[in-house]
Amino acid sequence: MHDFRDDTTLGRRDLLARLAGVALAATGLSAFRRFSQASAIAAPPKWDDRFELAVDLEIAPQQGYRYHRPYVAVWVEDATGRRVRTLSLWVNTTGRGPRYIRELRRWFSGERDQEDAGGPDLVATMSSATRLPGQYSVSWNGRDDRGAVVDQGDYRVVIEAAREHGSYQLMQQDLTLGTKPVAADLAGNEEIGRARVEYRRRK
């Protein structure tokens, strides 16, 4: 003889299990939404396109008949020291020139790391000729070497110079790049007579 009480008991258990599953799903969805909202709030704002970072520098004049133009790299690092964007790379890529690119020790070390990570070969894609003594300016639009917009925050501007039969020089300046202009002057040296970095509204 069939016991209908067993069917009722099973039905109630099934219903309670389903209700518990719905409750757990709703709780999980609510937690996910809270997590997503918190993540959105915690994410730093992106670069303000009303601003640019300008780097003005002077290649210092030199005396002597053995003068060689310096190799110069200007780039930006993030707060962890990872290179974000190379702004200029003035080197000689013909003849014996390429062998001296490694004299830009810090930039070259970062370039090898970037290439190992699948980044672009900047020597091939963006290097240009060395410069005579004089005043020069480069700027940054807040994009990294791959073209992606960076976050606002703390960055370091680095200027590196090396010259055959000359000296090796490294200059750097930390800046917080947000929604307010900021500027700093860097002391000159044998290769770079002076330098100034300025985060400013676009002209």
C-alpha atoms as a PDB file:
ATOM      1  CA  MET A   1       0.000   0.000   0.000  1.00  0.00           C
ATOM      2  CA  HIS A   2       1.355   3.397  -0.973  1.00  0.00           C
ATOM      3  CA  ASP A   3       2.138   5.797   1.904  1.00  0.00           C
ATOM      4  CA  PHE A   4       1.187   9.340   0.832  1.00  0.00           C
ATOM      5  CA  ARG A   5       2.900  10.747   3.894  1.00  0.00           C
ATOM      6  CA  ASP A   6       6.257   9.860   2.337  1.00  0.00           C
ATOM      7  CA  ASP A   7       5.338  11.841  -0.798  1.00  0.00           C
ATOM      8  CA  THR A   8       4.355  14.827   1.326  1.00  0.00           C
ATOM      9  CA  THR A   9       7.587  14.661   3.285  1.00  0.00           C
ATOM     10  CA  LEU A  10       9.667  14.438   0.127  1.00  0.00           C
ATOM     11  CA  GLY A  11       7.714  17.291  -1.442  1.00  0.00           C
ATOM     12  CA  ARG A  12       8.326  19.510   1.541  1.00  0.00           C
ATOM     13  CA  ARG A  13      12.027  18.645   1.567  1.00  0.00           C
ATOM     14  CA  ASP A  14      12.327  19.379  -2.136  1.00  0.00           C
ATOM     15  CA  LEU A  15      10.548  22.711  -1.711  1.00  0.00           C
ATOM     16  CA  LEU A  16      12.755  23.703   1.232  1.00  0.00           C
ATOM     17  CA  ALA A  17      15.888  22.748  -0.716  1.00  0.00           C
ATOM     18  CA  ARG A  18      14.789  24.837  -3.665  1.00  0.00           C
ATOM     19  CA  LEU A  19      13.959  27.814  -1.449  1.00  0.00           C
ATOM     20  CA  ALA A  20      17.376  27.511   0.207  1.00  0.00           C
ATOM     21  CA  GLY A  21      19.060  27.460  -3.203  1.00  0.00           C
ATOM     22  CA  VAL A  22      17.185  30.579  -4.302  1.00  0.00           C
ATOM     23  CA  ALA A  23      18.166  32.339  -1.074  1.00  0.00           C
ATOM     24  CA  LEU A  24      21.822  31.414  -1.502  1.00  0.00           C
ATOM     25  CA  ALA A  25      21.787  32.567  -5.124  1.00  0.00           C
ATOM     26  CA  ALA A  26      20.229  35.894  -4.131  1.00  0.00           C
ATOM     27  CA  THR A  27      22.787  36.330  -1.359  1.00  0.00           C
ATOM     28  CA  GLY A  28      25.634  35.589  -3.758  1.00  0.00           C
ATOM     29  CA  LEU A  29      24.285  38.017  -6.362  1.00  0.00           C
ATOM     30  CA  SER A  30      23.953  40.729  -3.743  1.00  0.00           C
ATOM     31  CA  ALA A  31      27.522  40.128  -2.537  1.00  0.00           C
ATOM     32  CA  PHE A  32      28.797  40.199  -6.122  1.00  0.00           C
ATOM     33  CA  ARG A  33      27.055  43.517  -6.737  1.00  0.00           C
ATOM     34  CA  ARG A  34      28.553  44.984  -3.559  1.00  0.00           C
ATOM     35  CA  PHE A  35      32.002  43.719  -4.590  1.00  0.00           C
ATOM     36  CA  SER A  36      31.636  45.193  -8.083  1.00  0.00           C
ATOM     37  CA  GLN A  37      30.529  48.545  -6.704  1.00  0.00           C
ATOM     38  CA  ALA A  38      33.402  48.595  -4.213  1.00  0.00           C
ATOM     39  CA  SER A  39      35.876  47.735  -6.977  1.00  0.00           C
ATOM     40  CA  ALA A  40      34.526  50.531  -9.156  1.00  0.00           C
ATOM     41  CA  ILE A  41      34.837  52.979  -6.282  1.00  0.00           C
ATOM     42  CA  ALA A  42      38.383  51.821  -5.459  1.00  0.00           C
ATOM     43  CA  ALA A  43      39.655  52.053  -9.064  1.00  0.00           C
ATOM     44  CA  PRO A  44      41.746  55.220  -9.603  1.00  0.00           C
ATOM     45  CA  PRO A  45      40.512  57.735 -12.176  1.00  0.00           C
ATOM     46  CA  LYS A  46      42.006  57.706 -15.650  1.00  0.00           C
ATOM     47  CA  TRP A  47      44.342  60.372 -17.032  1.00  0.00           C
ATOM     48  CA  ASP A  48      42.662  63.763 -17.459  1.00  0.00           C
ATOM     49  CA  ASP A  49      42.881  64.531 -21.187  1.00  0.00           C
ATOM     50  CA  ARG A  50      42.875  68.245 -20.454  1.00  0.00           C
ATOM     51  CA  PHE A  51      46.480  67.821 -19.252  1.00  0.00           C
ATOM     52  CA  GLU A  52      49.859  66.911 -20.697  1.00  0.00           C
ATOM     53  CA  LEU A  53      53.311  66.352 -19.240  1.00  0.00           C
ATOM     54  CA  ALA A  54      56.066  68.405 -20.860  1.00  0.00           C
ATOM     55  CA  VAL A  55      59.792  67.703 -20.442  1.00  0.00           C
ATOM     56  CA  ASP A  56      62.146  70.503 -21.482  1.00  0.00           C
ATOM     57  CA  LEU A  57      65.852  69.770 -21.528  1.00  0.00           C
ATOM     58  CA  GLU A  58      69.119  71.203 -22.773  1.00  0.00           C
ATOM     59  CA  ILE A  59      71.896  69.118 -24.274  1.00  0.00           C
ATOM     60  CA  ALA A  60      74.956  70.847 -22.906  1.00  0.00           C
ATOM     61  CA  PRO A  61      77.665  72.172 -25.277  1.00  0.00           C
ATOM     62  CA  GLN A  62      81.022  70.394 -25.142  1.00  0.00           C
ATOM     63  CA  GLN A  63      84.597  71.287 -26.021  1.00  0.00           C
ATOM     64  CA  GLY A  64      87.116  69.191 -27.894  1.00  0.00           C
ATOM     65  CA  TYR A  65      87.556  67.651 -31.317  1.00  0.00           C
ATOM     66  CA  ARG A  66      86.465  64.174 -30.166  1.00  0.00           C
ATOM     67  CA  TYR A  67      82.960  65.326 -29.355  1.00  0.00           C
ATOM     68  CA  HIS A  68      80.210  62.765 -29.944  1.00  0.00           C
ATOM     69  CA  ARG A  69      76.529  63.544 -29.626  1.00  0.00           C
ATOM     70  CA  PRO A  70      75.062  61.917 -26.503  1.00  0.00           C
ATOM     71  CA  TYR A  71      72.532  59.137 -26.566  1.00  0.00           C
ATOM     72  CA  VAL A  72      69.489  60.367 -24.630  1.00  0.00           C
ATOM     73  CA  ALA A  73      66.359  58.569 -23.418  1.00  0.00           C
ATOM     74  CA  VAL A  74      63.425  60.233 -21.675  1.00  0.00           C
ATOM     75  CA  TRP A  75      60.691  58.072 -20.189  1.00  0.00           C
ATOM     76  CA  VAL A  76      58.054  57.749 -17.472  1.00  0.00           C
ATOM     77  CA  GLU A  77      57.855  55.035 -14.804  1.00  0.00           C
ATOM     78  CA  ASP A  78      54.989  54.181 -12.466  1.00  0.00           C
ATOM     79  CA  ALA A  79      55.245  54.038  -8.680  1.00  0.00           C
ATOM     80  CA  THR A  80      56.622  50.473  -8.829  1.00  0.00           C
ATOM     81  CA  GLY A  81      59.484  51.459 -11.158  1.00  0.00           C
ATOM     82  CA  ARG A  82      57.951  49.808 -14.231  1.00  0.00           C
ATOM     83  CA  ARG A  83      58.483  51.767 -17.430  1.00  0.00           C
ATOM     84  CA  VAL A  84      55.165  53.103 -18.719  1.00  0.00           C
ATOM     85  CA  ARG A  85      56.078  55.214 -21.733  1.00  0.00           C
ATOM     86  CA  THR A  86      59.267  56.161 -23.573  1.00  0.00           C
ATOM     87  CA  LEU A  87      58.922  59.783 -24.670  1.00  0.00           C
ATOM     88  CA  SER A  88      62.104  60.064 -26.694  1.00  0.00           C
ATOM     89  CA  LEU A  89      65.033  57.881 -27.664  1.00  0.00           C
ATOM     90  CA  TRP A  90      67.867  59.693 -29.455  1.00  0.00           C
ATOM     91  CA  VAL A  91      70.437  57.148 -30.594  1.00  0.00           C
ATOM     92  CA  ASN A  92      72.428  56.111 -33.633  1.00  0.00           C
ATOM     93  CA  THR A  93      71.087  52.889 -35.162  1.00  0.00           C
ATOM     94  CA  THR A  94      73.578  52.578 -38.039  1.00  0.00           C
ATOM     95  CA  GLY A  95      77.203  51.448 -38.205  1.00  0.00           C
ATOM     96  CA  ARG A  96      78.613  50.869 -34.747  1.00  0.00           C
ATOM     97  CA  GLY A  97      75.794  52.867 -33.188  1.00  0.00           C
ATOM     98  CA  PRO A  98      73.542  50.064 -31.931  1.00  0.00           C
ATOM     99  CA  ARG A  99      76.251  48.602 -29.694  1.00  0.00           C
ATOM    100  CA  TYR A 100      76.266  51.803 -27.634  1.00  0.00           C
ATOM    101  CA  ILE A 101      72.511  51.824 -26.958  1.00  0.00           C
ATOM    102  CA  ARG A 102      73.146  49.538 -23.987  1.00  0.00           C
ATOM    103  CA  GLU A 103      75.122  52.421 -22.442  1.00  0.00           C
ATOM    104  CA  LEU A 104      71.685  53.817 -21.606  1.00  0.00           C
ATOM    105  CA  ARG A 105      71.810  51.256 -18.808  1.00  0.00           C
ATOM    106  CA  ARG A 106      68.509  51.790 -17.069  1.00  0.00           C
ATOM    107  CA  TRP A 107      66.446  52.353 -20.196  1.00  0.00           C
ATOM    108  CA  PHE A 108      68.048  49.382 -21.968  1.00  0.00           C
ATOM    109  CA  SER A 109      67.404  47.082 -19.009  1.00  0.00           C
ATOM    110  CA  GLY A 110      63.745  48.088 -19.025  1.00  0.00           C
ATOM    111  CA  GLU A 111      63.567  47.601 -22.787  1.00  0.00           C
ATOM    112  CA  ARG A 112      64.743  43.998 -22.509  1.00  0.00           C
ATOM    113  CA  ASP A 113      62.109  43.358 -19.833  1.00  0.00           C
ATOM    114  CA  GLN A 114      59.417  44.895 -22.045  1.00  0.00           C
ATOM    115  CA  GLU A 115      60.428  42.827 -25.065  1.00  0.00           C
ATOM    116  CA  ASP A 116      60.476  39.642 -22.969  1.00  0.00           C
ATOM    117  CA  ALA A 117      56.891  40.488 -21.947  1.00  0.00           C
ATOM    118  CA  GLY A 118      55.853  40.862 -25.588  1.00  0.00           C
ATOM    119  CA  GLY A 119      56.062  44.638 -25.744  1.00  0.00           C
ATOM    120  CA  PRO A 120      57.047  46.652 -28.826  1.00  0.00           C
ATOM    121  CA  ASP A 121      60.671  46.999 -29.950  1.00  0.00           C
ATOM    122  CA  LEU A 122      61.064  50.727 -29.301  1.00  0.00           C
ATOM    123  CA  VAL A 123      64.555  50.942 -30.796  1.00  0.00           C
ATOM    124  CA  ALA A 124      63.075  49.850 -34.109  1.00  0.00           C
ATOM    125  CA  THR A 125      59.803  51.774 -33.893  1.00  0.00           C
ATOM    126  CA  MET A 126      60.505  55.112 -32.243  1.00  0.00           C
ATOM    127  CA  SER A 127      64.226  55.896 -32.014  1.00  0.00           C
ATOM    128  CA  SER A 128      65.473  58.969 -33.841  1.00  0.00           C
ATOM    129  CA  ALA A 129      68.803  60.637 -34.540  1.00  0.00           C
ATOM    130  CA  THR A 130      71.049  62.020 -31.842  1.00  0.00           C
ATOM    131  CA  ARG A 131      70.823  65.776 -31.260  1.00  0.00           C
ATOM    132  CA  LEU A 132      73.311  68.642 -31.291  1.00  0.00           C
ATOM    133  CA  PRO A 133      73.666  70.795 -28.175  1.00  0.00           C
ATOM    134  CA  GLY A 134      70.576  72.942 -27.698  1.00  0.00           C
ATOM    135  CA  GLN A 135      67.096  73.174 -26.199  1.00  0.00           C
ATOM    136  CA  TYR A 136      64.553  70.399 -26.769  1.00  0.00           C
ATOM    137  CA  SER A 137      61.069  69.525 -25.564  1.00  0.00           C
ATOM    138  CA  VAL A 138      59.024  66.321 -25.497  1.00  0.00           C
ATOM    139  CA  SER A 139      55.540  65.714 -24.114  1.00  0.00           C
ATOM    140  CA  TRP A 140      53.337  62.902 -22.813  1.00  0.00           C
ATOM    141  CA  ASN A 141      49.615  62.497 -23.423  1.00  0.00           C
ATOM    142  CA  GLY A 142      48.944  59.909 -20.725  1.00  0.00           C
ATOM    143  CA  ARG A 143      49.171  56.820 -22.942  1.00  0.00           C
ATOM    144  CA  ASP A 144      51.501  53.910 -22.313  1.00  0.00           C
ATOM    145  CA  ASP A 145      53.810  52.280 -24.878  1.00  0.00           C
ATOM    146  CA  ARG A 146      50.885  50.166 -26.105  1.00  0.00           C
ATOM    147  CA  GLY A 147      48.558  53.165 -26.482  1.00  0.00           C
ATOM    148  CA  ALA A 148      46.349  52.509 -23.438  1.00  0.00           C
ATOM    149  CA  VAL A 149      45.252  55.391 -21.181  1.00  0.00           C
ATOM    150  CA  VAL A 150      47.002  55.296 -17.787  1.00  0.00           C
ATOM    151  CA  ASP A 151      45.594  56.064 -14.351  1.00  0.00           C
ATOM    152  CA  GLN A 152      46.145  59.271 -12.472  1.00  0.00           C
ATOM    153  CA  GLY A 153      48.675  58.868  -9.685  1.00  0.00           C
ATOM    154  CA  ASP A 154      52.373  58.891  -8.833  1.00  0.00           C
ATOM    155  CA  TYR A 155      54.929  58.719 -11.635  1.00  0.00           C
ATOM    156  CA  ARG A 156      58.659  59.269 -12.119  1.00  0.00           C
ATOM    157  CA  VAL A 157      60.182  61.116 -15.074  1.00  0.00           C
ATOM    158  CA  VAL A 158      63.635  59.791 -15.978  1.00  0.00           C
ATOM    159  CA  ILE A 159      66.247  61.365 -18.257  1.00  0.00           C
ATOM    160  CA  GLU A 160      69.300  59.271 -19.078  1.00  0.00           C
ATOM    161  CA  ALA A 161      72.280  60.391 -21.157  1.00  0.00           C
ATOM    162  CA  ALA A 162      75.485  58.627 -22.197  1.00  0.00           C
ATOM    163  CA  ARG A 163      78.231  59.842 -24.525  1.00  0.00           C
ATOM    164  CA  GLU A 164      81.202  58.119 -26.110  1.00  0.00           C
ATOM    165  CA  HIS A 165      84.358  59.646 -24.599  1.00  0.00           C
ATOM    166  CA  GLY A 166      82.003  61.504 -22.257  1.00  0.00           C
ATOM    167  CA  SER A 167      80.026  60.846 -19.084  1.00  0.00           C
ATOM    168  CA  TYR A 168      76.983  58.884 -18.012  1.00  0.00           C
ATOM    169  CA  GLN A 169      74.154  60.826 -16.356  1.00  0.00           C
ATOM    170  CA  LEU A 170      70.805  59.872 -14.809  1.00  0.00           C
ATOM    171  CA  MET A 171      68.177  62.414 -13.739  1.00  0.00           C
ATOM    172  CA  GLN A 172      64.779  61.658 -12.229  1.00  0.00           C
ATOM    173  CA  GLN A 173      61.837  63.477 -10.727  1.00  0.00           C
ATOM    174  CA  ASP A 174      58.745  62.130  -8.936  1.00  0.00           C
ATOM    175  CA  LEU A 175      55.401  63.807  -9.621  1.00  0.00           C
ATOM    176  CA  THR A 176      51.774  63.202  -8.697  1.00  0.00           C
ATOM    177  CA  LEU A 177      49.732  63.562 -11.881  1.00  0.00           C
ATOM    178  CA  GLY A 178      46.079  64.234 -11.187  1.00  0.00           C
ATOM    179  CA  THR A 179      43.875  67.270 -11.756  1.00  0.00           C
ATOM    180  CA  LYS A 180      46.264  69.989 -10.593  1.00  0.00           C
ATOM    181  CA  PRO A 181      49.274  71.438 -12.441  1.00  0.00           C
ATOM    182  CA  VAL A 182      52.691  70.688 -10.975  1.00  0.00           C
ATOM    183  CA  ALA A 183      56.264  71.414 -12.082  1.00  0.00           C
ATOM    184  CA  ALA A 184      59.856  70.844 -10.995  1.00  0.00           C
ATOM    185  CA  ASP A 185      63.340  71.895 -12.126  1.00  0.00           C
ATOM    186  CA  LEU A 186      66.177  69.357 -12.215  1.00  0.00           C
ATOM    187  CA  ALA A 187      69.794  70.263 -11.576  1.00  0.00           C
ATOM    188  CA  GLY A 188      71.975  70.138 -14.686  1.00  0.00           C
ATOM    189  CA  ASN A 189      75.040  68.005 -15.282  1.00  0.00           C
ATOM    190  CA  GLU A 190      77.827  67.503 -17.830  1.00  0.00           C
ATOM    191  CA  GLU A 191      75.514  66.102 -20.520  1.00  0.00           C
ATOM    192  CA  ILE A 192      72.140  67.694 -19.733  1.00  0.00           C
ATOM    193  CA  GLY A 193      72.648  71.332 -18.876  1.00  0.00           C
ATOM    194  CA  ARG A 194      69.199  71.761 -17.388  1.00  0.00           C
ATOM    195  CA  ALA A 195      65.789  70.107 -17.368  1.00  0.00           C
ATOM    196  CA  ARG A 196      62.265  70.993 -16.303  1.00  0.00           C
ATOM    197  CA  VAL A 197      59.181  68.794 -16.041  1.00  0.00           C
ATOM    198  CA  GLU A 198      55.737  70.373 -16.044  1.00  0.00           C
ATOM    199  CA  TYR A 199      52.306  68.782 -15.753  1.00  0.00           C
ATOM    200  CA  ARG A 200      50.029  71.381 -17.264  1.00  0.00           C
ATOM    201  CA  ARG A 201      46.831  72.017 -19.123  1.00  0.00           C
ATOM    202  CA  ARG A 202      47.137  71.476 -22.856  1.00  0.00           C
ATOM    203  CA  LYS A 203      48.036  74.556 -24.810  1.00  0.00           C
END
